């Protein structure tokens, strides 16, 4: 949501490194744009 707020562009996939060190590749769903905010 933060990336989409700054870029104005959709994000297809998120790369997240967990505290355990395992890398997750996750897909944002239900993206909603509003004036001054983004949620997913």
ModelCIF file with pLDDT and N, C-alpha, C, O atoms, coordinates in Angstrom:
data_MODEL
#
_entry.id   MODEL 
#
_entity.id                         1 
_entity.type                       polymer 
_entity.pdbx_number_of_molecules   1 
#
_entity_poly.entity_id                      1 
_entity_poly.type                           'polypeptide(L)' 
_entity_poly.nstd_linkage                   no 
_entity_poly.nstd_monomer                   no 
_entity_poly.pdbx_seq_one_letter_code       
;(UNK)(UNK)(UNK)(UNK)(UNK)(UNK)(UNK)(UNK)(UNK)(UNK)(UNK)(UNK)(UNK)(UNK)(UNK)(UNK)
(UNK)(UNK)(UNK)(UNK)(UNK)(UNK)(UNK)(UNK)(UNK)(UNK)(UNK)(UNK)(UNK)(UNK)(UNK)(UNK)
(UNK)(UNK)(UNK)(UNK)(UNK)(UNK)(UNK)(UNK)
;
_entity_poly.pdbx_seq_one_letter_code_can   XXXXXXXXXXXXXXXXXXXXXXXXXXXXXXXXXXXXXXXX 
_entity_poly.pdbx_strand_id                 A 
#
loop_
_entity_poly_seq.entity_id 
_entity_poly_seq.num 
_entity_poly_seq.mon_id 
_entity_poly_seq.hetero 
1 1  UNK n 
1 2  UNK n 
1 3  UNK n 
1 4  UNK n 
1 5  UNK n 
1 6  UNK n 
1 7  UNK n 
1 8  UNK n 
1 9  UNK n 
1 10 UNK n 
1 11 UNK n 
1 12 UNK n 
1 13 UNK n 
1 14 UNK n 
1 15 UNK n 
1 16 UNK n 
1 17 UNK n 
1 18 UNK n 
1 19 UNK n 
1 20 UNK n 
1 21 UNK n 
1 22 UNK n 
1 23 UNK n 
1 24 UNK n 
1 25 UNK n 
1 26 UNK n 
1 27 UNK n 
1 28 UNK n 
1 29 UNK n 
1 30 UNK n 
1 31 UNK n 
1 32 UNK n 
1 33 UNK n 
1 34 UNK n 
1 35 UNK n 
1 36 UNK n 
1 37 UNK n 
1 38 UNK n 
1 39 UNK n 
1 40 UNK n 
#
_struct_asym.id          A 
_struct_asym.entity_id   1 
#
loop_
_ma_qa_metric.id 
_ma_qa_metric.mode 
_ma_qa_metric.name 
_ma_qa_metric.software_group_id 
_ma_qa_metric.type 
1 global pLDDT . pLDDT 
2 local  pLDDT . pLDDT 
#
_ma_qa_metric_global.metric_id      1 
_ma_qa_metric_global.metric_value   95.50 
_ma_qa_metric_global.model_id       1 
_ma_qa_metric_global.ordinal_id     1 
#
loop_
_ma_qa_metric_local.label_asym_id 
_ma_qa_metric_local.label_comp_id 
_ma_qa_metric_local.label_seq_id 
_ma_qa_metric_local.metric_id 
_ma_qa_metric_local.metric_value 
_ma_qa_metric_local.model_id 
_ma_qa_metric_local.ordinal_id 
A UNK 1  2 98.00 1 1  
A UNK 2  2 98.00 1 2  
A UNK 3  2 98.00 1 3  
A UNK 4  2 98.00 1 4  
A UNK 5  2 97.00 1 5  
A UNK 6  2 97.00 1 6  
A UNK 7  2 96.00 1 7  
A UNK 8  2 95.00 1 8  
A UNK 9  2 96.00 1 9  
A UNK 10 2 96.00 1 10 
A UNK 11 2 97.00 1 11 
A UNK 12 2 95.00 1 12 
A UNK 13 2 96.00 1 13 
A UNK 14 2 96.00 1 14 
A UNK 15 2 96.00 1 15 
A UNK 16 2 97.00 1 16 
A UNK 17 2 95.00 1 17 
A UNK 18 2 95.00 1 18 
A UNK 19 2 93.00 1 19 
A UNK 20 2 90.00 1 20 
A UNK 21 2 91.00 1 21 
A UNK 22 2 91.00 1 22 
A UNK 23 2 94.00 1 23 
A UNK 24 2 95.00 1 24 
A UNK 25 2 95.00 1 25 
A UNK 26 2 96.00 1 26 
A UNK 27 2 96.00 1 27 
A UNK 28 2 98.00 1 28 
A UNK 29 2 97.00 1 29 
A UNK 30 2 97.00 1 30 
A UNK 31 2 97.00 1 31 
A UNK 32 2 97.00 1 32 
A UNK 33 2 96.00 1 33 
A UNK 34 2 92.00 1 34 
A UNK 35 2 87.00 1 35 
A UNK 36 2 91.00 1 36 
A UNK 37 2 97.00 1 37 
A UNK 38 2 98.00 1 38 
A UNK 39 2 98.00 1 39 
A UNK 40 2 98.00 1 40 
#
loop_
_atom_site.group_PDB 
_atom_site.id 
_atom_site.type_symbol 
_atom_site.label_atom_id 
_atom_site.label_alt_id 
_atom_site.label_comp_id 
_atom_site.label_asym_id 
_atom_site.label_entity_id 
_atom_site.label_seq_id 
_atom_site.pdbx_PDB_ins_code 
_atom_site.Cartn_x 
_atom_site.Cartn_y 
_atom_site.Cartn_z 
_atom_site.occupancy 
_atom_site.B_iso_or_equiv 
_atom_site.pdbx_formal_charge 
_atom_site.auth_seq_id 
_atom_site.auth_comp_id 
_atom_site.auth_asym_id 
_atom_site.auth_atom_id 
_atom_site.pdbx_PDB_model_num 
ATOM 1   N N  . UNK A 1 1  ? 0.830  -1.206  0.000  1.00 98.00 ? 1  UNK A N  1 
ATOM 2   C CA . UNK A 1 1  ? 0.000  0.000   0.000  1.00 98.00 ? 1  UNK A CA 1 
ATOM 3   C C  . UNK A 1 1  ? 0.865  1.257   0.000  1.00 98.00 ? 1  UNK A C  1 
ATOM 4   O O  . UNK A 1 1  ? 0.537  2.235   -0.673 1.00 98.00 ? 1  UNK A O  1 
ATOM 5   N N  . UNK A 1 2  ? 1.975  1.237   0.756  1.00 98.00 ? 2  UNK A N  1 
ATOM 6   C CA . UNK A 1 2  ? 2.870  2.394   0.788  1.00 98.00 ? 2  UNK A CA 1 
ATOM 7   C C  . UNK A 1 2  ? 3.492  2.641   -0.586 1.00 98.00 ? 2  UNK A C  1 
ATOM 8   O O  . UNK A 1 2  ? 3.565  3.782   -1.042 1.00 98.00 ? 2  UNK A O  1 
ATOM 9   N N  . UNK A 1 3  ? 3.934  1.578   -1.239 1.00 98.00 ? 3  UNK A N  1 
ATOM 10  C CA . UNK A 1 3  ? 4.528  1.742   -2.573 1.00 98.00 ? 3  UNK A CA 1 
ATOM 11  C C  . UNK A 1 3  ? 3.515  2.311   -3.552 1.00 98.00 ? 3  UNK A C  1 
ATOM 12  O O  . UNK A 1 3  ? 3.835  3.204   -4.336 1.00 98.00 ? 3  UNK A O  1 
ATOM 13  N N  . UNK A 1 4  ? 2.290  1.793   -3.505 1.00 98.00 ? 4  UNK A N  1 
ATOM 14  C CA . UNK A 1 4  ? 1.251  2.284   -4.422 1.00 98.00 ? 4  UNK A CA 1 
ATOM 15  C C  . UNK A 1 4  ? 0.888  3.729   -4.121 1.00 98.00 ? 4  UNK A C  1 
ATOM 16  O O  . UNK A 1 4  ? 0.552  4.491   -5.027 1.00 98.00 ? 4  UNK A O  1 
ATOM 17  N N  . UNK A 1 5  ? 0.955  4.108   -2.840 1.00 97.00 ? 5  UNK A N  1 
ATOM 18  C CA . UNK A 1 5  ? 0.669  5.497   -2.479 1.00 97.00 ? 5  UNK A CA 1 
ATOM 19  C C  . UNK A 1 5  ? 1.677  6.452   -3.108 1.00 97.00 ? 5  UNK A C  1 
ATOM 20  O O  . UNK A 1 5  ? 1.309  7.530   -3.576 1.00 97.00 ? 5  UNK A O  1 
ATOM 21  N N  . UNK A 1 6  ? 2.958  6.052   -3.117 1.00 97.00 ? 6  UNK A N  1 
ATOM 22  C CA . UNK A 1 6  ? 3.996  6.928   -3.661 1.00 97.00 ? 6  UNK A CA 1 
ATOM 23  C C  . UNK A 1 6  ? 4.081  6.885   -5.181 1.00 97.00 ? 6  UNK A C  1 
ATOM 24  O O  . UNK A 1 6  ? 4.397  7.892   -5.815 1.00 97.00 ? 6  UNK A O  1 
ATOM 25  N N  . UNK A 1 7  ? 3.802  5.727   -5.765 1.00 96.00 ? 7  UNK A N  1 
ATOM 26  C CA . UNK A 1 7  ? 3.976  5.600   -7.220 1.00 96.00 ? 7  UNK A CA 1 
ATOM 27  C C  . UNK A 1 7  ? 2.702  5.833   -8.007 1.00 96.00 ? 7  UNK A C  1 
ATOM 28  O O  . UNK A 1 7  ? 2.755  6.220   -9.175 1.00 96.00 ? 7  UNK A O  1 
ATOM 29  N N  . UNK A 1 8  ? 1.561  5.603   -7.383 1.00 95.00 ? 8  UNK A N  1 
ATOM 30  C CA . UNK A 1 8  ? 0.308  5.675   -8.122 1.00 95.00 ? 8  UNK A CA 1 
ATOM 31  C C  . UNK A 1 8  ? 0.111  4.504   -9.064 1.00 95.00 ? 8  UNK A C  1 
ATOM 32  O O  . UNK A 1 8  ? -0.795 4.520   -9.897 1.00 95.00 ? 8  UNK A O  1 
ATOM 33  N N  . UNK A 1 9  ? 0.962  3.479   -8.938 1.00 96.00 ? 9  UNK A N  1 
ATOM 34  C CA . UNK A 1 9  ? 0.902  2.317   -9.816 1.00 96.00 ? 9  UNK A CA 1 
ATOM 35  C C  . UNK A 1 9  ? 0.581  1.052   -9.007 1.00 96.00 ? 9  UNK A C  1 
ATOM 36  O O  . UNK A 1 9  ? 0.983  0.944   -7.849 1.00 96.00 ? 9  UNK A O  1 
ATOM 37  N N  . UNK A 1 10 ? -0.129 0.109   -9.599 1.00 96.00 ? 10 UNK A N  1 
ATOM 38  C CA . UNK A 1 10 ? -0.443 -1.136  -8.882 1.00 96.00 ? 10 UNK A CA 1 
ATOM 39  C C  . UNK A 1 10 ? 0.817  -1.963  -8.607 1.00 96.00 ? 10 UNK A C  1 
ATOM 40  O O  . UNK A 1 10 ? 1.794  -1.884  -9.352 1.00 96.00 ? 10 UNK A O  1 
ATOM 41  N N  . UNK A 1 11 ? 0.787  -2.734  -7.563 1.00 97.00 ? 11 UNK A N  1 
ATOM 42  C CA . UNK A 1 11 ? 1.861  -3.656  -7.207 1.00 97.00 ? 11 UNK A CA 1 
ATOM 43  C C  . UNK A 1 11 ? 1.347  -5.073  -7.400 1.00 97.00 ? 11 UNK A C  1 
ATOM 44  O O  . UNK A 1 11 ? 0.334  -5.459  -6.816 1.00 97.00 ? 11 UNK A O  1 
ATOM 45  N N  . UNK A 1 12 ? 2.045  -5.846  -8.218 1.00 95.00 ? 12 UNK A N  1 
ATOM 46  C CA . UNK A 1 12 ? 1.596  -7.207  -8.525 1.00 95.00 ? 12 UNK A CA 1 
ATOM 47  C C  . UNK A 1 12 ? 2.058  -8.222  -7.488 1.00 95.00 ? 12 UNK A C  1 
ATOM 48  O O  . UNK A 1 12 ? 1.383  -9.222  -7.241 1.00 95.00 ? 12 UNK A O  1 
ATOM 49  N N  . UNK A 1 13 ? 3.223  -7.956  -6.879 1.00 96.00 ? 13 UNK A N  1 
ATOM 50  C CA . UNK A 1 13 ? 3.791  -8.925  -5.950 1.00 96.00 ? 13 UNK A CA 1 
ATOM 51  C C  . UNK A 1 13 ? 4.655  -8.208  -4.914 1.00 96.00 ? 13 UNK A C  1 
ATOM 52  O O  . UNK A 1 13 ? 5.357  -7.247  -5.231 1.00 96.00 ? 13 UNK A O  1 
ATOM 53  N N  . UNK A 1 14 ? 4.593  -8.690  -3.672 1.00 96.00 ? 14 UNK A N  1 
ATOM 54  C CA . UNK A 1 14 ? 5.388  -8.125  -2.577 1.00 96.00 ? 14 UNK A CA 1 
ATOM 55  C C  . UNK A 1 14 ? 6.453  -9.138  -2.178 1.00 96.00 ? 14 UNK A C  1 
ATOM 56  O O  . UNK A 1 14 ? 6.174  -10.327 -2.030 1.00 96.00 ? 14 UNK A O  1 
ATOM 57  N N  . UNK A 1 15 ? 7.667  -8.651  -2.009 1.00 96.00 ? 15 UNK A N  1 
ATOM 58  C CA . UNK A 1 15 ? 8.747  -9.489  -1.486 1.00 96.00 ? 15 UNK A CA 1 
ATOM 59  C C  . UNK A 1 15 ? 8.960  -9.125  -0.027 1.00 96.00 ? 15 UNK A C  1 
ATOM 60  O O  . UNK A 1 15 ? 9.285  -7.981  0.289  1.00 96.00 ? 15 UNK A O  1 
ATOM 61  N N  . UNK A 1 16 ? 8.779  -10.093 0.866  1.00 97.00 ? 16 UNK A N  1 
ATOM 62  C CA . UNK A 1 16 ? 8.908  -9.839  2.292  1.00 97.00 ? 16 UNK A CA 1 
ATOM 63  C C  . UNK A 1 16 ? 9.870  -10.850 2.905  1.00 97.00 ? 16 UNK A C  1 
ATOM 64  O O  . UNK A 1 16 ? 9.673  -12.058 2.780  1.00 97.00 ? 16 UNK A O  1 
ATOM 65  N N  . UNK A 1 17 ? 10.918 -10.348 3.571  1.00 95.00 ? 17 UNK A N  1 
ATOM 66  C CA . UNK A 1 17 ? 11.829 -11.220 4.301  1.00 95.00 ? 17 UNK A CA 1 
ATOM 67  C C  . UNK A 1 17 ? 11.353 -11.305 5.743  1.00 95.00 ? 17 UNK A C  1 
ATOM 68  O O  . UNK A 1 17 ? 11.314 -10.295 6.445  1.00 95.00 ? 17 UNK A O  1 
ATOM 69  N N  . UNK A 1 18 ? 10.996 -12.487 6.185  1.00 95.00 ? 18 UNK A N  1 
ATOM 70  C CA . UNK A 1 18 ? 10.477 -12.685 7.537  1.00 95.00 ? 18 UNK A CA 1 
ATOM 71  C C  . UNK A 1 18 ? 11.617 -12.699 8.558  1.00 95.00 ? 18 UNK A C  1 
ATOM 72  O O  . UNK A 1 18 ? 12.772 -12.902 8.185  1.00 95.00 ? 18 UNK A O  1 
ATOM 73  N N  . UNK A 1 19 ? 11.309 -12.486 9.838  1.00 93.00 ? 19 UNK A N  1 
ATOM 74  C CA . UNK A 1 19 ? 12.353 -12.575 10.876 1.00 93.00 ? 19 UNK A CA 1 
ATOM 75  C C  . UNK A 1 19 ? 13.063 -13.923 10.883 1.00 93.00 ? 19 UNK A C  1 
ATOM 76  O O  . UNK A 1 19 ? 14.215 -14.005 11.307 1.00 93.00 ? 19 UNK A O  1 
ATOM 77  N N  . UNK A 1 20 ? 12.407 -14.972 10.425 1.00 90.00 ? 20 UNK A N  1 
ATOM 78  C CA . UNK A 1 20 ? 13.026 -16.296 10.363 1.00 90.00 ? 20 UNK A CA 1 
ATOM 79  C C  . UNK A 1 20 ? 14.012 -16.398 9.205  1.00 90.00 ? 20 UNK A C  1 
ATOM 80  O O  . UNK A 1 20 ? 14.775 -17.360 9.125  1.00 90.00 ? 20 UNK A O  1 
ATOM 81  N N  . UNK A 1 21 ? 14.004 -15.412 8.307  1.00 91.00 ? 21 UNK A N  1 
ATOM 82  C CA . UNK A 1 21 ? 14.908 -15.422 7.161  1.00 91.00 ? 21 UNK A CA 1 
ATOM 83  C C  . UNK A 1 21 ? 14.299 -15.996 5.906  1.00 91.00 ? 21 UNK A C  1 
ATOM 84  O O  . UNK A 1 21 ? 14.941 -15.983 4.856  1.00 91.00 ? 21 UNK A O  1 
ATOM 85  N N  . UNK A 1 22 ? 13.083 -16.499 5.978  1.00 91.00 ? 22 UNK A N  1 
ATOM 86  C CA . UNK A 1 22 ? 12.396 -17.046 4.806  1.00 91.00 ? 22 UNK A CA 1 
ATOM 87  C C  . UNK A 1 22 ? 11.785 -15.897 4.024  1.00 91.00 ? 22 UNK A C  1 
ATOM 88  O O  . UNK A 1 22 ? 11.133 -15.026 4.600  1.00 91.00 ? 22 UNK A O  1 
ATOM 89  N N  . UNK A 1 23 ? 11.994 -15.892 2.719  1.00 94.00 ? 23 UNK A N  1 
ATOM 90  C CA . UNK A 1 23 ? 11.469 -14.835 1.853  1.00 94.00 ? 23 UNK A CA 1 
ATOM 91  C C  . UNK A 1 23 ? 10.112 -15.264 1.297  1.00 94.00 ? 23 UNK A C  1 
ATOM 92  O O  . UNK A 1 23 ? 9.967  -16.352 0.740  1.00 94.00 ? 23 UNK A O  1 
ATOM 93  N N  . UNK A 1 24 ? 9.131  -14.393 1.458  1.00 95.00 ? 24 UNK A N  1 
ATOM 94  C CA . UNK A 1 24 ? 7.795  -14.640 0.935  1.00 95.00 ? 24 UNK A CA 1 
ATOM 95  C C  . UNK A 1 24 ? 7.543  -13.758 -0.275 1.00 95.00 ? 24 UNK A C  1 
ATOM 96  O O  . UNK A 1 24 ? 8.011  -12.621 -0.337 1.00 95.00 ? 24 UNK A O  1 
ATOM 97  N N  . UNK A 1 25 ? 6.807  -14.288 -1.228 1.00 95.00 ? 25 UNK A N  1 
ATOM 98  C CA . UNK A 1 25 ? 6.359  -13.518 -2.382 1.00 95.00 ? 25 UNK A CA 1 
ATOM 99  C C  . UNK A 1 25 ? 4.838  -13.566 -2.366 1.00 95.00 ? 25 UNK A C  1 
ATOM 100 O O  . UNK A 1 25 ? 4.235  -14.602 -2.646 1.00 95.00 ? 25 UNK A O  1 
ATOM 101 N N  . UNK A 1 26 ? 4.229  -12.438 -2.038 1.00 96.00 ? 26 UNK A N  1 
ATOM 102 C CA . UNK A 1 26 ? 2.799  -12.404 -1.765 1.00 96.00 ? 26 UNK A CA 1 
ATOM 103 C C  . UNK A 1 26 ? 2.085  -11.446 -2.702 1.00 96.00 ? 26 UNK A C  1 
ATOM 104 O O  . UNK A 1 26 ? 2.645  -10.435 -3.127 1.00 96.00 ? 26 UNK A O  1 
ATOM 105 N N  . UNK A 1 27 ? 0.852  -11.775 -3.014 1.00 96.00 ? 27 UNK A N  1 
ATOM 106 C CA . UNK A 1 27 ? 0.081  -11.015 -3.996 1.00 96.00 ? 27 UNK A CA 1 
ATOM 107 C C  . UNK A 1 27 ? -0.957 -10.135 -3.307 1.00 96.00 ? 27 UNK A C  1 
ATOM 108 O O  . UNK A 1 27 ? -1.849 -10.655 -2.637 1.00 96.00 ? 27 UNK A O  1 
ATOM 109 N N  . UNK A 1 28 ? -0.859 -8.814  -3.456 1.00 98.00 ? 28 UNK A N  1 
ATOM 110 C CA . UNK A 1 28 ? -1.876 -7.935  -2.880 1.00 98.00 ? 28 UNK A CA 1 
ATOM 111 C C  . UNK A 1 28 ? -3.237 -8.175  -3.533 1.00 98.00 ? 28 UNK A C  1 
ATOM 112 O O  . UNK A 1 28 ? -3.332 -8.436  -4.732 1.00 98.00 ? 28 UNK A O  1 
ATOM 113 N N  . UNK A 1 29 ? -4.281 -8.081  -2.718 1.00 97.00 ? 29 UNK A N  1 
ATOM 114 C CA . UNK A 1 29 ? -5.649 -8.272  -3.207 1.00 97.00 ? 29 UNK A CA 1 
ATOM 115 C C  . UNK A 1 29 ? -6.515 -7.093  -2.782 1.00 97.00 ? 29 UNK A C  1 
ATOM 116 O O  . UNK A 1 29 ? -6.169 -6.347  -1.867 1.00 97.00 ? 29 UNK A O  1 
ATOM 117 N N  . UNK A 1 30 ? -7.646 -6.940  -3.464 1.00 97.00 ? 30 UNK A N  1 
ATOM 118 C CA . UNK A 1 30 ? -8.646 -5.919  -3.125 1.00 97.00 ? 30 UNK A CA 1 
ATOM 119 C C  . UNK A 1 30 ? -8.011 -4.545  -2.929 1.00 97.00 ? 30 UNK A C  1 
ATOM 120 O O  . UNK A 1 30 ? -8.174 -3.912  -1.886 1.00 97.00 ? 30 UNK A O  1 
ATOM 121 N N  . UNK A 1 31 ? -7.281 -4.097  -3.954 1.00 97.00 ? 31 UNK A N  1 
ATOM 122 C CA . UNK A 1 31 ? -6.616 -2.791  -3.886 1.00 97.00 ? 31 UNK A CA 1 
ATOM 123 C C  . UNK A 1 31 ? -7.666 -1.686  -4.027 1.00 97.00 ? 31 UNK A C  1 
ATOM 124 O O  . UNK A 1 31 ? -8.515 -1.724  -4.917 1.00 97.00 ? 31 UNK A O  1 
ATOM 125 N N  . UNK A 1 32 ? -7.586 -0.712  -3.137 1.00 97.00 ? 32 UNK A N  1 
ATOM 126 C CA . UNK A 1 32 ? -8.547 0.404   -3.175 1.00 97.00 ? 32 UNK A CA 1 
ATOM 127 C C  . UNK A 1 32 ? -7.785 1.720   -3.076 1.00 97.00 ? 32 UNK A C  1 
ATOM 128 O O  . UNK A 1 32 ? -6.938 1.916   -2.205 1.00 97.00 ? 32 UNK A O  1 
ATOM 129 N N  . UNK A 1 33 ? -8.121 2.616   -4.005 1.00 96.00 ? 33 UNK A N  1 
ATOM 130 C CA . UNK A 1 33 ? -7.496 3.928   -4.047 1.00 96.00 ? 33 UNK A CA 1 
ATOM 131 C C  . UNK A 1 33 ? -8.517 4.953   -3.573 1.00 96.00 ? 33 UNK A C  1 
ATOM 132 O O  . UNK A 1 33 ? -9.687 4.894   -3.949 1.00 96.00 ? 33 UNK A O  1 
ATOM 133 N N  . UNK A 1 34 ? -8.075 5.874   -2.759 1.00 92.00 ? 34 UNK A N  1 
ATOM 134 C CA . UNK A 1 34 ? -8.931 6.962   -2.313 1.00 92.00 ? 34 UNK A CA 1 
ATOM 135 C C  . UNK A 1 34 ? -8.090 8.221   -2.319 1.00 92.00 ? 34 UNK A C  1 
ATOM 136 O O  . UNK A 1 34 ? -6.875 8.165   -2.513 1.00 92.00 ? 34 UNK A O  1 
ATOM 137 N N  . UNK A 1 35 ? -8.727 9.344   -2.109 1.00 87.00 ? 35 UNK A N  1 
ATOM 138 C CA . UNK A 1 35 ? -7.968 10.594  -2.110 1.00 87.00 ? 35 UNK A CA 1 
ATOM 139 C C  . UNK A 1 35 ? -6.996 10.600  -0.931 1.00 87.00 ? 35 UNK A C  1 
ATOM 140 O O  . UNK A 1 35 ? -7.395 10.715  0.228  1.00 87.00 ? 35 UNK A O  1 
ATOM 141 N N  . UNK A 1 36 ? -5.729 10.474  -1.254 1.00 91.00 ? 36 UNK A N  1 
ATOM 142 C CA . UNK A 1 36 ? -4.703 10.540  -0.226 1.00 91.00 ? 36 UNK A CA 1 
ATOM 143 C C  . UNK A 1 36 ? -4.420 9.246   0.504  1.00 91.00 ? 36 UNK A C  1 
ATOM 144 O O  . UNK A 1 36 ? -3.644 9.250   1.459  1.00 91.00 ? 36 UNK A O  1 
ATOM 145 N N  . UNK A 1 37 ? -5.021 8.131   0.093  1.00 97.00 ? 37 UNK A N  1 
ATOM 146 C CA . UNK A 1 37 ? -4.749 6.873   0.776  1.00 97.00 ? 37 UNK A CA 1 
ATOM 147 C C  . UNK A 1 37 ? -4.878 5.701   -0.185 1.00 97.00 ? 37 UNK A C  1 
ATOM 148 O O  . UNK A 1 37 ? -5.540 5.797   -1.218 1.00 97.00 ? 37 UNK A O  1 
ATOM 149 N N  . UNK A 1 38 ? -4.233 4.592   0.172  1.00 98.00 ? 38 UNK A N  1 
ATOM 150 C CA . UNK A 1 38 ? -4.337 3.338   -0.585 1.00 98.00 ? 38 UNK A CA 1 
ATOM 151 C C  . UNK A 1 38 ? -4.479 2.210   0.436  1.00 98.00 ? 38 UNK A C  1 
ATOM 152 O O  . UNK A 1 38 ? -3.822 2.216   1.477  1.00 98.00 ? 38 UNK A O  1 
ATOM 153 N N  . UNK A 1 39 ? -5.345 1.241   0.125  1.00 98.00 ? 39 UNK A N  1 
ATOM 154 C CA . UNK A 1 39 ? -5.434 0.055   0.975  1.00 98.00 ? 39 UNK A CA 1 
ATOM 155 C C  . UNK A 1 39 ? -5.382 -1.189  0.099  1.00 98.00 ? 39 UNK A C  1 
ATOM 156 O O  . UNK A 1 39 ? -5.779 -1.168  -1.066 1.00 98.00 ? 39 UNK A O  1 
ATOM 157 N N  . UNK A 1 40 ? -4.885 -2.267  0.686  1.00 98.00 ? 40 UNK A N  1 
ATOM 158 C CA . UNK A 1 40 ? -4.880 -3.560  0.016  1.00 98.00 ? 40 UNK A CA 1 
ATOM 159 C C  . UNK A 1 40 ? -4.815 -4.649  1.076  1.00 98.00 ? 40 UNK A C  1 
ATOM 160 O O  . UNK A 1 40 ? -4.799 -5.834  0.744  1.00 98.00 ? 40 UNK A O  1 
#
